[in-house]
PDB file of N, CA and C in Angstrom:
ATOM      1  N   MET A   1       0.707  -0.921  -0.154  1.00  0.00           N
ATOM      2  CA  MET A   1       0.305   0.047  -0.324  1.00  0.00           C
ATOM      3  C   MET A   1       0.707   1.117  -0.250  1.00  0.00           C
ATOM      4  N   ARG A   2       2.075   0.970   0.360  1.00  0.00           N
ATOM      5  CA  ARG A   2       3.057   2.509   0.755  1.00  0.00           C
ATOM      6  C   ARG A   2       3.543   2.364  -0.293  1.00  0.00           C
ATOM      7  N   ALA A   3       4.105   1.370  -1.010  1.00  0.00           N
ATOM      8  CA  ALA A   3       4.609   1.300  -2.380  1.00  0.00           C
ATOM      9  C   ALA A   3       3.168   1.892  -3.859  1.00  0.00           C
ATOM     10  N   LEU A   4       2.316   1.926  -3.307  1.00  0.00           N
ATOM     11  CA  LEU A   4       1.539   2.185  -4.388  1.00  0.00           C
ATOM     12  C   LEU A   4       1.256   4.045  -4.332  1.00  0.00           C
ATOM     13  N   ALA A   5       1.063   4.074  -2.934  1.00  0.00           N
ATOM     14  CA  ALA A   5       1.236   5.842  -2.237  1.00  0.00           C
ATOM     15  C   ALA A   5       2.368   6.430  -2.524  1.00  0.00           C
ATOM     16  N   LEU A   6       3.607   5.838  -2.839  1.00  0.00           N
ATOM     17  CA  LEU A   6       4.658   6.582  -3.644  1.00  0.00           C
ATOM     18  C   LEU A   6       4.618   6.356  -4.765  1.00  0.00           C
ATOM     19  N   LEU A   7       4.423   5.947  -6.038  1.00  0.00           N
ATOM     20  CA  LEU A   7       4.316   5.817  -7.096  1.00  0.00           C
ATOM     21  C   LEU A   7       3.344   6.857  -7.579  1.00  0.00           C
ATOM     22  N   LEU A   8       2.114   7.179  -6.956  1.00  0.00           N
ATOM     23  CA  LEU A   8       0.952   7.910  -7.531  1.00  0.00           C
ATOM     24  C   LEU A   8       1.981   9.427  -6.833  1.00  0.00           C
ATOM     25  N   LEU A   9       2.447   9.456  -5.634  1.00  0.00           N
ATOM     26  CA  LEU A   9       2.884  10.947  -5.555  1.00  0.00           C
ATOM     27  C   LEU A   9       4.377  11.291  -6.356  1.00  0.00           C
ATOM     28  N   ALA A  10       4.865  10.198  -6.671  1.00  0.00           N
ATOM     29  CA  ALA A  10       5.985  10.617  -7.367  1.00  0.00           C
ATOM     30  C   ALA A  10       5.495  10.696  -9.044  1.00  0.00           C
ATOM     31  N   ALA A  11       4.230  10.440  -9.422  1.00  0.00           N
ATOM     32  CA  ALA A  11       3.488  10.322 -10.753  1.00  0.00           C
ATOM     33  C   ALA A  11       3.232  12.034 -10.870  1.00  0.00           C
ATOM     34  N   ALA A  12       2.547  12.480  -9.500  1.00  0.00           N
ATOM     35  CA  ALA A  12       2.004  13.146  -9.201  1.00  0.00           C
ATOM     36  C   ALA A  12       3.191  14.734  -9.630  1.00  0.00           C
ATOM     37  N   LEU A  13       4.285  14.227  -8.832  1.00  0.00           N
ATOM     38  CA  LEU A  13       5.386  15.111  -8.752  1.00  0.00           C
ATOM     39  C   LEU A  13       5.981  15.674 -10.186  1.00  0.00           C
ATOM     40  N   THR A  14       5.987  14.573 -11.334  1.00  0.00           N
ATOM     41  CA  THR A  14       6.626  14.881 -11.977  1.00  0.00           C
ATOM     42  C   THR A  14       5.666  15.462 -13.323  1.00  0.00           C
ATOM     43  N   GLY A  15       4.319  15.852 -13.373  1.00  0.00           N
ATOM     44  CA  GLY A  15       3.751  16.579 -14.052  1.00  0.00           C
ATOM     45  C   GLY A  15       2.698  15.663 -14.315  1.00  0.00           C
ATOM     46  N   PRO A  16       1.620  16.214 -15.071  1.00  0.00           N
ATOM     47  CA  PRO A  16       0.521  15.798 -15.758  1.00  0.00           C
ATOM     48  C   PRO A  16       1.047  14.807 -16.910  1.00  0.00           C
ATOM     49  N   ALA A  17       0.174  13.870 -17.212  1.00  0.00           N
ATOM     50  CA  ALA A  17       0.569  13.030 -18.031  1.00  0.00           C
ATOM     51  C   ALA A  17       0.838  13.284 -19.622  1.00  0.00           C
ATOM     52  N   ARG A  18       1.065  13.294 -20.260  1.00  0.00           N
ATOM     53  CA  ARG A  18       1.036  13.713 -21.845  1.00  0.00           C
ATOM     54  C   ARG A  18      -0.440  13.485 -22.160  1.00  0.00           C
ATOM     55  N   ALA A  19      -0.691  14.456 -23.445  1.00  0.00           N
ATOM     56  CA  ALA A  19      -1.888  14.563 -23.757  1.00  0.00           C
ATOM     57  C   ALA A  19      -2.680  13.242 -24.571  1.00  0.00           C
ATOM     58  N   ALA A  20      -3.193  12.354 -24.916  1.00  0.00           N
ATOM     59  CA  ALA A  20      -3.155  11.823 -26.043  1.00  0.00           C
ATOM     60  C   ALA A  20      -3.807  12.190 -27.124  1.00  0.00           C
ATOM     61  N   SER A  21      -2.683  12.892 -27.858  1.00  0.00           N
ATOM     62  CA  SER A  21      -2.211  13.511 -28.877  1.00  0.00           C
ATOM     63  C   SER A  21      -1.283  12.312 -29.574  1.00  0.00           C
ATOM     64  N   PRO A  22      -1.716  11.553 -30.935  1.00  0.00           N
ATOM     65  CA  PRO A  22      -0.830  11.513 -31.338  1.00  0.00           C
ATOM     66  C   PRO A  22       0.712  11.567 -32.357  1.00  0.00           C
ATOM     67  N   THR A  23       1.815  10.582 -32.106  1.00  0.00           N
ATOM     68  CA  THR A  23       2.812  11.633 -33.103  1.00  0.00           C
ATOM     69  C   THR A  23       2.934  11.123 -34.211  1.00  0.00           C
ATOM     70  N   ALA A  24       3.874  11.598 -34.737  1.00  0.00           N
ATOM     71  CA  ALA A  24       3.435  11.144 -36.358  1.00  0.00           C
ATOM     72  C   ALA A  24       3.843   9.763 -36.720  1.00  0.00           C
ATOM     73  N   ARG A  25       3.964   9.087 -35.515  1.00  0.00           N
ATOM     74  CA  ARG A  25       4.179   7.503 -35.668  1.00  0.00           C
ATOM     75  C   ARG A  25       2.998   6.950 -35.671  1.00  0.00           C
ATOM     76  N   GLU A  26       1.946   7.234 -34.757  1.00  0.00           N
ATOM     77  CA  GLU A  26       1.006   6.811 -33.957  1.00  0.00           C
ATOM     78  C   GLU A  26       0.206   7.334 -35.465  1.00  0.00           C
ATOM     79  N   PHE A  27      -0.128   8.123 -35.973  1.00  0.00           N
ATOM     80  CA  PHE A  27      -1.005   8.879 -36.838  1.00  0.00           C
ATOM     81  C   PHE A  27      -0.645   7.680 -38.382  1.00  0.00           C
ATOM     82  N   SER A  28      -1.766   7.056 -38.622  1.00  0.00           N
ATOM     83  CA  SER A  28      -1.687   6.358 -40.237  1.00  0.00           C
ATOM     84  C   SER A  28      -2.683   7.037 -40.894  1.00  0.00           C
ATOM     85  N   GLU A  29      -3.610   8.052 -40.438  1.00  0.00           N
ATOM     86  CA  GLU A  29      -4.162   8.778 -41.209  1.00  0.00           C
ATOM     87  C   GLU A  29      -4.927   9.742 -40.819  1.00  0.00           C
ATOM     88  N   LEU A  30      -4.952  10.611 -41.812  1.00  0.00           N
ATOM     89  CA  LEU A  30      -5.485  12.707 -41.027  1.00  0.00           C
ATOM     90  C   LEU A  30      -7.149  12.361 -41.447  1.00  0.00           C
ATOM     91  N   PRO A  31      -7.708  12.352 -40.297  1.00  0.00           N
ATOM     92  CA  PRO A  31      -9.180  13.472 -40.751  1.00  0.00           C
ATOM     93  C   PRO A  31      -9.604  14.655 -41.313  1.00  0.00           C
ATOM     94  N   PRO A  32     -10.123  14.898 -41.869  1.00  0.00           N
ATOM     95  CA  PRO A  32     -10.537  16.124 -42.465  1.00  0.00           C
ATOM     96  C   PRO A  32     -10.108  17.420 -41.423  1.00  0.00           C
ATOM     97  N   GLY A  33      -9.536  18.253 -41.593  1.00  0.00           N
ATOM     98  CA  GLY A  33      -9.207  19.227 -40.498  1.00  0.00           C
ATOM     99  C   GLY A  33      -7.747  20.037 -40.746  1.00  0.00           C
ATOM    100  N   ARG A  34      -7.214  20.905 -40.069  1.00  0.00           N
ATOM    101  CA  ARG A  34      -5.621  21.158 -40.066  1.00  0.00           C
ATOM    102  C   ARG A  34      -4.906  20.548 -38.840  1.00  0.00           C
ATOM    103  N   TYR A  35      -3.691  20.660 -39.789  1.00  0.00           N
ATOM    104  CA  TYR A  35      -2.619  20.161 -39.013  1.00  0.00           C
ATOM    105  C   TYR A  35      -1.328  21.132 -39.145  1.00  0.00           C
ATOM    106  N   THR A  36      -0.784  20.431 -37.754  1.00  0.00           N
ATOM    107  CA  THR A  36       0.956  21.105 -38.026  1.00  0.00           C
ATOM    108  C   THR A  36       1.855  19.902 -38.118  1.00  0.00           C
ATOM    109  N   VAL A  37       2.448  19.995 -39.051  1.00  0.00           N
ATOM    110  CA  VAL A  37       3.696  18.880 -39.245  1.00  0.00           C
ATOM    111  C   VAL A  37       4.591  19.515 -38.763  1.00  0.00           C
ATOM    112  N   THR A  38       5.906  19.212 -37.695  1.00  0.00           N
ATOM    113  CA  THR A  38       7.346  19.528 -37.435  1.00  0.00           C
ATOM    114  C   THR A  38       7.734  18.308 -38.310  1.00  0.00           C
ATOM    115  N   LEU A  39       8.606  19.066 -39.154  1.00  0.00           N
ATOM    116  CA  LEU A  39       9.778  18.468 -40.242  1.00  0.00           C
ATOM    117  C   LEU A  39      11.383  18.203 -39.723  1.00  0.00           C
ATOM    118  N   SER A  40      11.636  17.375 -40.051  1.00  0.00           N
ATOM    119  CA  SER A  40      13.222  17.608 -39.994  1.00  0.00           C
ATOM    120  C   SER A  40      14.225  17.219 -41.639  1.00  0.00           C
ATOM    121  N   GLY A  41      15.176  17.734 -41.766  1.00  0.00           N
ATOM    122  CA  GLY A  41      16.076  17.732 -42.436  1.00  0.00           C
ATOM    123  C   GLY A  41      16.096  18.567 -44.257  1.00  0.00           C
ATOM    124  N   LEU A  42      15.377  19.702 -43.206  1.00  0.00           N
ATOM    125  CA  LEU A  42      15.467  21.144 -44.417  1.00  0.00           C
ATOM    126  C   LEU A  42      16.834  21.927 -44.334  1.00  0.00           C
ATOM    127  N   MET A  43      17.301  22.016 -45.699  1.00  0.00           N
ATOM    128  CA  MET A  43      18.819  22.774 -45.518  1.00  0.00           C
ATOM    129  C   MET A  43      18.224  23.967 -45.892  1.00  0.00           C
ATOM    130  N   THR A  44      17.616  24.412 -46.985  1.00  0.00           N
ATOM    131  CA  THR A  44      17.059  25.993 -47.432  1.00  0.00           C
ATOM    132  C   THR A  44      15.473  25.721 -47.734  1.00  0.00           C
ATOM    133  N   THR A  45      15.211  27.277 -48.069  1.00  0.00           N
ATOM    134  CA  THR A  45      14.050  27.503 -48.552  1.00  0.00           C
ATOM    135  C   THR A  45      13.086  26.499 -49.919  1.00  0.00           C
ATOM    136  N   VAL A  46      14.683  26.128 -50.450  1.00  0.00           N
ATOM    137  CA  VAL A  46      13.849  25.475 -51.155  1.00  0.00           C
ATOM    138  C   VAL A  46      13.190  24.018 -51.118  1.00  0.00           C
ATOM    139  N   CYS A  47      13.417  23.398 -49.711  1.00  0.00           N
ATOM    140  CA  CYS A  47      13.616  22.095 -49.268  1.00  0.00           C
ATOM    141  C   CYS A  47      11.943  22.513 -48.820  1.00  0.00           C
ATOM    142  N   GLY A  48      11.617  23.574 -48.077  1.00  0.00           N
ATOM    143  CA  GLY A  48      10.249  23.597 -47.927  1.00  0.00           C
ATOM    144  C   GLY A  48       9.228  24.027 -49.145  1.00  0.00           C
ATOM    145  N   ARG A  49       9.840  24.918 -50.482  1.00  0.00           N
ATOM    146  CA  ARG A  49       8.684  24.924 -51.650  1.00  0.00           C
ATOM    147  C   ARG A  49       8.784  23.487 -52.022  1.00  0.00           C
ATOM    148  N   ALA A  50       9.860  23.134 -52.032  1.00  0.00           N
ATOM    149  CA  ALA A  50       9.193  21.712 -52.595  1.00  0.00           C
ATOM    150  C   ALA A  50       8.465  20.436 -52.033  1.00  0.00           C
ATOM    151  N   ILE A  51       8.560  20.653 -50.523  1.00  0.00           N
ATOM    152  CA  ILE A  51       7.586  20.208 -50.021  1.00  0.00           C
ATOM    153  C   ILE A  51       6.083  20.398 -49.923  1.00  0.00           C
ATOM    154  N   ALA A  52       5.968  21.821 -49.772  1.00  0.00           N
ATOM    155  CA  ALA A  52       4.686  22.462 -50.347  1.00  0.00           C
ATOM    156  C   ALA A  52       3.865  21.810 -51.307  1.00  0.00           C
ATOM    157  N   ALA A  53       5.145  22.077 -52.874  1.00  0.00           N
ATOM    158  CA  ALA A  53       4.633  21.689 -53.656  1.00  0.00           C
ATOM    159  C   ALA A  53       3.768  20.138 -54.401  1.00  0.00           C
ATOM    160  N   GLU A  54       4.764  19.206 -53.538  1.00  0.00           N
ATOM    161  CA  GLU A  54       4.678  17.810 -53.520  1.00  0.00           C
ATOM    162  C   GLU A  54       2.859  17.557 -52.554  1.00  0.00           C
ATOM    163  N   TRP A  55       2.752  18.809 -51.390  1.00  0.00           N
ATOM    164  CA  TRP A  55       1.927  18.012 -50.004  1.00  0.00           C
ATOM    165  C   TRP A  55       0.503  18.809 -51.056  1.00  0.00           C
ATOM    166  N   SER A  56       0.601  19.626 -51.586  1.00  0.00           N
ATOM    167  CA  SER A  56      -0.511  20.746 -52.442  1.00  0.00           C
ATOM    168  C   SER A  56      -0.955  19.822 -53.406  1.00  0.00           C
ATOM    169  N   ALA A  57       0.086  18.787 -54.025  1.00  0.00           N
ATOM    170  CA  ALA A  57      -0.592  18.245 -55.516  1.00  0.00           C
ATOM    171  C   ALA A  57      -1.370  17.338 -54.728  1.00  0.00           C
ATOM    172  N   LEU A  58      -1.520  16.558 -53.348  1.00  0.00           N
ATOM    173  CA  LEU A  58      -2.384  15.300 -53.154  1.00  0.00           C
ATOM    174  C   LEU A  58      -3.490  15.792 -53.511  1.00  0.00           C
ATOM    175  N   PRO A  59      -4.742  14.736 -54.085  1.00  0.00           N
ATOM    176  CA  PRO A  59      -6.332  15.071 -54.008  1.00  0.00           C
ATOM    177  C   PRO A  59      -6.733  15.129 -52.298  1.00  0.00           C
ATOM    178  N   GLU A  60      -6.127  14.697 -51.565  1.00  0.00           N
ATOM    179  CA  GLU A  60      -7.052  15.380 -50.448  1.00  0.00           C
ATOM    180  C   GLU A  60      -6.193  15.974 -49.552  1.00  0.00           C
ATOM    181  N   VAL A  61      -5.211  17.239 -49.956  1.00  0.00           N
ATOM    182  CA  VAL A  61      -5.027  18.027 -49.479  1.00  0.00           C
ATOM    183  C   VAL A  61      -5.344  19.468 -50.209  1.00  0.00           C
ATOM    184  N   GLU A  62      -6.334  20.269 -49.203  1.00  0.00           N
ATOM    185  CA  GLU A  62      -6.856  21.469 -49.817  1.00  0.00           C
ATOM    186  C   GLU A  62      -5.470  22.353 -49.962  1.00  0.00           C
ATOM    187  N   SER A  63      -4.856  22.933 -48.431  1.00  0.00           N
ATOM    188  CA  SER A  63      -3.601  23.518 -49.040  1.00  0.00           C
ATOM    189  C   SER A  63      -2.303  23.049 -47.822  1.00  0.00           C
ATOM    190  N   ALA A  64      -1.301  23.538 -48.536  1.00  0.00           N
ATOM    191  CA  ALA A  64      -0.106  22.876 -47.628  1.00  0.00           C
ATOM    192  C   ALA A  64       0.994  24.528 -48.085  1.00  0.00           C
ATOM    193  N   THR A  65       1.580  24.536 -47.167  1.00  0.00           N
ATOM    194  CA  THR A  65       2.503  25.676 -46.573  1.00  0.00           C
ATOM    195  C   THR A  65       3.630  25.379 -45.261  1.00  0.00           C
ATOM    196  N   VAL A  66       5.052  25.381 -46.120  1.00  0.00           N
ATOM    197  CA  VAL A  66       5.710  25.611 -45.219  1.00  0.00           C
ATOM    198  C   VAL A  66       6.623  26.621 -44.657  1.00  0.00           C
ATOM    199  N   ASP A  67       7.016  26.439 -43.190  1.00  0.00           N
ATOM    200  CA  ASP A  67       8.016  27.314 -43.008  1.00  0.00           C
ATOM    201  C   ASP A  67       9.331  27.507 -42.401  1.00  0.00           C
ATOM    202  N   PHE A  68      10.176  27.089 -43.641  1.00  0.00           N
ATOM    203  CA  PHE A  68      11.338  26.764 -43.568  1.00  0.00           C
ATOM    204  C   PHE A  68      12.078  26.991 -41.946  1.00  0.00           C
ATOM    205  N   GLU A  69      11.823  28.514 -41.602  1.00  0.00           N
ATOM    206  CA  GLU A  69      12.694  28.322 -40.529  1.00  0.00           C
ATOM    207  C   GLU A  69      12.466  27.815 -39.157  1.00  0.00           C
ATOM    208  N   LYS A  70      11.284  27.727 -38.901  1.00  0.00           N
ATOM    209  CA  LYS A  70      10.206  26.723 -37.653  1.00  0.00           C
ATOM    210  C   LYS A  70      10.639  25.642 -37.916  1.00  0.00           C
ATOM    211  N   SER A  71      10.967  24.708 -39.503  1.00  0.00           N
ATOM    212  CA  SER A  71      10.701  22.923 -39.979  1.00  0.00           C
ATOM    213  C   SER A  71       9.171  22.828 -39.594  1.00  0.00           C
ATOM    214  N   THR A  72       8.489  23.725 -39.964  1.00  0.00           N
ATOM    215  CA  THR A  72       6.685  23.248 -39.908  1.00  0.00           C
ATOM    216  C   THR A  72       5.885  22.967 -41.196  1.00  0.00           C
ATOM    217  N   ALA A  73       5.631  22.374 -41.308  1.00  0.00           N
ATOM    218  CA  ALA A  73       4.366  22.831 -42.047  1.00  0.00           C
ATOM    219  C   ALA A  73       3.210  22.248 -41.713  1.00  0.00           C
ATOM    220  N   PHE A  74       2.028  23.134 -42.382  1.00  0.00           N
ATOM    221  CA  PHE A  74       0.497  23.328 -42.161  1.00  0.00           C
ATOM    222  C   PHE A  74      -0.265  23.182 -43.611  1.00  0.00           C
ATOM    223  N   VAL A  75      -0.832  21.687 -42.891  1.00  0.00           N
ATOM    224  CA  VAL A  75      -1.362  21.155 -43.872  1.00  0.00           C
ATOM    225  C   VAL A  75      -2.905  21.085 -43.403  1.00  0.00           C
ATOM    226  N   THR A  76      -4.338  21.367 -44.697  1.00  0.00           N
ATOM    227  CA  THR A  76      -5.212  20.902 -44.309  1.00  0.00           C
ATOM    228  C   THR A  76      -5.884  20.162 -45.181  1.00  0.00           C
ATOM    229  N   VAL A  77      -6.470  19.087 -44.572  1.00  0.00           N
ATOM    230  CA  VAL A  77      -7.111  17.916 -45.970  1.00  0.00           C
ATOM    231  C   VAL A  77      -8.368  18.464 -45.698  1.00  0.00           C
ATOM    232  N   ARG A  78      -8.762  18.481 -47.421  1.00  0.00           N
ATOM    233  CA  ARG A  78     -10.458  18.450 -47.422  1.00  0.00           C
ATOM    234  C   ARG A  78     -11.404  17.834 -46.847  1.00  0.00           C
ATOM    235  N   LEU A  79     -12.519  18.352 -46.595  1.00  0.00           N
ATOM    236  CA  LEU A  79     -13.461  18.453 -46.061  1.00  0.00           C
ATOM    237  C   LEU A  79     -14.045  16.353 -46.084  1.00  0.00           C
ATOM    238  N   ASP A  80     -14.182  16.239 -47.385  1.00  0.00           N
ATOM    239  CA  ASP A  80     -14.496  14.818 -47.950  1.00  0.00           C
ATOM    240  C   ASP A  80     -13.468  13.924 -48.191  1.00  0.00           C
ATOM    241  N   ARG A  81     -12.218  13.897 -47.681  1.00  0.00           N
ATOM    242  CA  ARG A  81     -11.120  13.130 -47.796  1.00  0.00           C
ATOM    243  C   ARG A  81     -10.549  13.238 -46.345  1.00  0.00           C
ATOM    244  N   THR A  82      -9.885  11.892 -46.312  1.00  0.00           N
ATOM    245  CA  THR A  82      -9.030  11.693 -45.339  1.00  0.00           C
ATOM    246  C   THR A  82      -7.821  10.955 -45.791  1.00  0.00           C
ATOM    247  N   LEU A  83      -6.340  11.737 -45.322  1.00  0.00           N
ATOM    248  CA  LEU A  83      -5.214  12.134 -46.027  1.00  0.00           C
ATOM    249  C   LEU A  83      -4.203  10.741 -44.907  1.00  0.00           C
ATOM    250  N   GLN A  84      -3.613   9.591 -45.902  1.00  0.00           N
ATOM    251  CA  GLN A  84      -3.034   8.969 -45.032  1.00  0.00           C
ATOM    252  C   GLN A  84      -1.406   9.796 -44.904  1.00  0.00           C
ATOM    253  N   VAL A  85      -0.858   8.968 -43.779  1.00  0.00           N
ATOM    254  CA  VAL A  85       0.670   9.863 -43.570  1.00  0.00           C
ATOM    255  C   VAL A  85       1.435   8.876 -44.322  1.00  0.00           C
ATOM    256  N   ALA A  86       1.111   7.603 -44.772  1.00  0.00           N
ATOM    257  CA  ALA A  86       2.381   7.129 -45.473  1.00  0.00           C
ATOM    258  C   ALA A  86       1.772   7.962 -47.042  1.00  0.00           C
ATOM    259  N   SER A  87       1.314   8.322 -47.551  1.00  0.00           N
ATOM    260  CA  SER A  87       1.046   9.462 -48.331  1.00  0.00           C
ATOM    261  C   SER A  87       1.805  10.667 -48.279  1.00  0.00           C
ATOM    262  N   LEU A  88       1.825  11.356 -47.229  1.00  0.00           N
ATOM    263  CA  LEU A  88       2.937  12.709 -46.728  1.00  0.00           C
ATOM    264  C   LEU A  88       4.464  11.887 -46.799  1.00  0.00           C
ATOM    265  N   ARG A  89       4.845  10.713 -46.414  1.00  0.00           N
ATOM    266  CA  ARG A  89       6.043  10.136 -46.337  1.00  0.00           C
ATOM    267  C   ARG A  89       6.597  10.053 -47.736  1.00  0.00           C
ATOM    268  N   LYS A  90       5.459   9.601 -48.789  1.00  0.00           N
ATOM    269  CA  LYS A  90       6.083   8.898 -50.134  1.00  0.00           C
ATOM    270  C   LYS A  90       6.576  10.194 -50.876  1.00  0.00           C
ATOM    271  N   THR A  91       5.366  11.519 -51.020  1.00  0.00           N
ATOM    272  CA  THR A  91       5.717  12.641 -51.594  1.00  0.00           C
ATOM    273  C   THR A  91       6.965  12.966 -50.611  1.00  0.00           C
ATOM    274  N   LEU A  92       7.376  13.179 -49.644  1.00  0.00           N
ATOM    275  CA  LEU A  92       8.540  13.780 -48.949  1.00  0.00           C
ATOM    276  C   LEU A  92       9.995  13.248 -49.682  1.00  0.00           C
ATOM    277  N   ARG A  93       9.199  11.880 -50.311  1.00  0.00           N
ATOM    278  CA  ARG A  93      11.025  11.235 -51.393  1.00  0.00           C
ATOM    279  C   ARG A  93      10.955  12.166 -52.503  1.00  0.00           C
ATOM    280  N   ARG A  94       9.734  12.161 -52.970  1.00  0.00           N
ATOM    281  CA  ARG A  94       9.571  13.041 -53.979  1.00  0.00           C
ATOM    282  C   ARG A  94       9.863  14.350 -54.243  1.00  0.00           C
ATOM    283  N   ALA A  95       9.962  15.424 -53.100  1.00  0.00           N
ATOM    284  CA  ALA A  95      10.235  16.498 -52.727  1.00  0.00           C
ATOM    285  C   ALA A  95      11.751  16.376 -52.409  1.00  0.00           C
ATOM    286  N   GLU A  96      12.286  15.933 -52.127  1.00  0.00           N
ATOM    287  CA  GLU A  96      13.869  15.290 -51.965  1.00  0.00           C
ATOM    288  C   GLU A  96      14.368  15.178 -53.204  1.00  0.00           C
ATOM    289  N   ARG A  97      13.734  14.602 -54.311  1.00  0.00           N
ATOM    290  CA  ARG A  97      14.397  14.488 -55.606  1.00  0.00           C
ATOM    291  C   ARG A  97      13.920  15.543 -56.636  1.00  0.00           C
ATOM    292  N   LEU A  98      12.941  16.225 -55.747  1.00  0.00           N
ATOM    293  CA  LEU A  98      12.543  17.686 -56.948  1.00  0.00           C
ATOM    294  C   LEU A  98      14.076  18.700 -56.401  1.00  0.00           C
ATOM    295  N   ALA A  99      14.293  18.949 -54.904  1.00  0.00           N
ATOM    296  CA  ALA A  99      14.866  20.162 -54.412  1.00  0.00           C
ATOM    297  C   ALA A  99      16.601  19.541 -54.759  1.00  0.00           C
ATOM    298  N   ASN A 100      16.973  18.426 -55.088  1.00  0.00           N
ATOM    299  CA  ASN A 100      18.158  18.069 -55.839  1.00  0.00           C
ATOM    300  C   ASN A 100      18.952  18.542 -54.806  1.00  0.00           C
ATOM    301  N   LEU A 101      18.816  18.548 -53.447  1.00  0.00           N
ATOM    302  CA  LEU A 101      20.194  19.068 -52.458  1.00  0.00           C
ATOM    303  C   LEU A 101      20.560  17.892 -51.426  1.00  0.00           C
ATOM    304  N   GLY A 102      20.544  16.690 -51.766  1.00  0.00           N
ATOM    305  CA  GLY A 102      21.101  15.272 -51.223  1.00  0.00           C
ATOM    306  C   GLY A 102      20.232  15.855 -49.870  1.00  0.00           C
ATOM    307  N   ALA A 103      19.266  16.351 -49.611  1.00  0.00           N
ATOM    308  CA  ALA A 103      18.827  16.586 -48.041  1.00  0.00           C
ATOM    309  C   ALA A 103      18.027  14.850 -47.520  1.00  0.00           C
ATOM    310  N   ARG A 104      17.328  14.482 -46.632  1.00  0.00           N
ATOM    311  CA  ARG A 104      16.724  13.927 -46.592  1.00  0.00           C
ATOM    312  C   ARG A 104      15.810  14.264 -45.356  1.00  0.00           C
ATOM    313  N   TYR A 105      14.354  14.295 -45.690  1.00  0.00           N
ATOM    314  CA  TYR A 105      13.600  14.464 -44.668  1.00  0.00           C
ATOM    315  C   TYR A 105      12.270  14.088 -44.193  1.00  0.00           C
ATOM    316  N   ASP A 106      12.541  14.321 -42.790  1.00  0.00           N
ATOM    317  CA  ASP A 106      11.356  13.452 -42.194  1.00  0.00           C
ATOM    318  C   ASP A 106      10.468  14.179 -41.224  1.00  0.00           C
ATOM    319  N   LEU A 107       9.139  13.028 -40.863  1.00  0.00           N
ATOM    320  CA  LEU A 107       7.477  13.591 -40.355  1.00  0.00           C
ATOM    321  C   LEU A 107       8.575  13.521 -38.793  1.00  0.00           C
ATOM    322  N   ARG A 108       8.215  14.598 -38.121  1.00  0.00           N
ATOM    323  CA  ARG A 108       8.939  14.692 -36.630  1.00  0.00           C
ATOM    324  C   ARG A 108       7.501  14.364 -36.046  1.00  0.00           C
ATOM    325  N   ASP A 109       6.509  15.259 -35.929  1.00  0.00           N
ATOM    326  CA  ASP A 109       5.358  15.141 -35.412  1.00  0.00           C
ATOM    327  C   ASP A 109       4.037  15.588 -35.618  1.00  0.00           C
ATOM    328  N   ILE A 110       2.977  15.324 -35.532  1.00  0.00           N
ATOM    329  CA  ILE A 110       1.915  15.682 -36.416  1.00  0.00           C
ATOM    330  C   ILE A 110       1.292  16.190 -35.547  1.00  0.00           C
ATOM    331  N   SER A 111       0.120  17.146 -34.829  1.00  0.00           N
ATOM    332  CA  SER A 111      -0.712  17.319 -34.019  1.00  0.00           C
ATOM    333  C   SER A 111      -2.060  18.423 -34.670  1.00  0.00           C
ATOM    334  N   TYR A 112      -3.351  18.299 -34.251  1.00  0.00           N
ATOM    335  CA  TYR A 112      -4.152  18.628 -34.821  1.00  0.00           C
ATOM    336  C   TYR A 112      -4.103  20.751 -34.568  1.00  0.00           C
ATOM    337  N   ARG A 113      -4.558  21.209 -35.400  1.00  0.00           N
ATOM    338  CA  ARG A 113      -4.725  22.283 -35.134  1.00  0.00           C
ATOM    339  C   ARG A 113      -5.810  23.205 -35.220  1.00  0.00           C
ATOM    340  N   LEU A 114      -5.935  23.512 -33.824  1.00  0.00           N
ATOM    341  CA  LEU A 114      -7.774  24.518 -33.566  1.00  0.00           C
ATOM    342  C   LEU A 114      -7.726  25.807 -34.063  1.00  0.00           C
ATOM    343  N   GLY A 115      -8.309  26.528 -34.636  1.00  0.00           N
ATOM    344  CA  GLY A 115      -8.751  27.408 -35.044  1.00  0.00           C
ATOM    345  C   GLY A 115      -7.671  27.690 -36.401  1.00  0.00           C
ATOM    346  N   LYS A 116      -7.638  29.090 -36.474  1.00  0.00           N
ATOM    347  CA  LYS A 116      -7.066  29.503 -37.947  1.00  0.00           C
ATOM    348  C   LYS A 116      -5.721  29.511 -37.908  1.00  0.00           C
TER     349      LYS A 116
END
């Protein structure tokens, strides 16, 4: 009983449990909505433009922009579609070839955006 109380106290002191928002590796598909995607491997603004162009070409994507300085992308999935995360990863490979800089892009985190 005392050990359980100590475990509960330790959990309370280390802070609240992480919210149930899946990471990029936990998401397999993105329902309609706005998402923030954290990226790695961007070398120049050319990388961001290549990724935005490839993601914008996906039929499920309404809009896609990339902020190179923050290594963050903003993706809006169409209301009548569901976007597979595998499609985002596949188009990252095409964006690498398009940018032609020898970069290797990766998804680090995906989170749902509330508001605009």
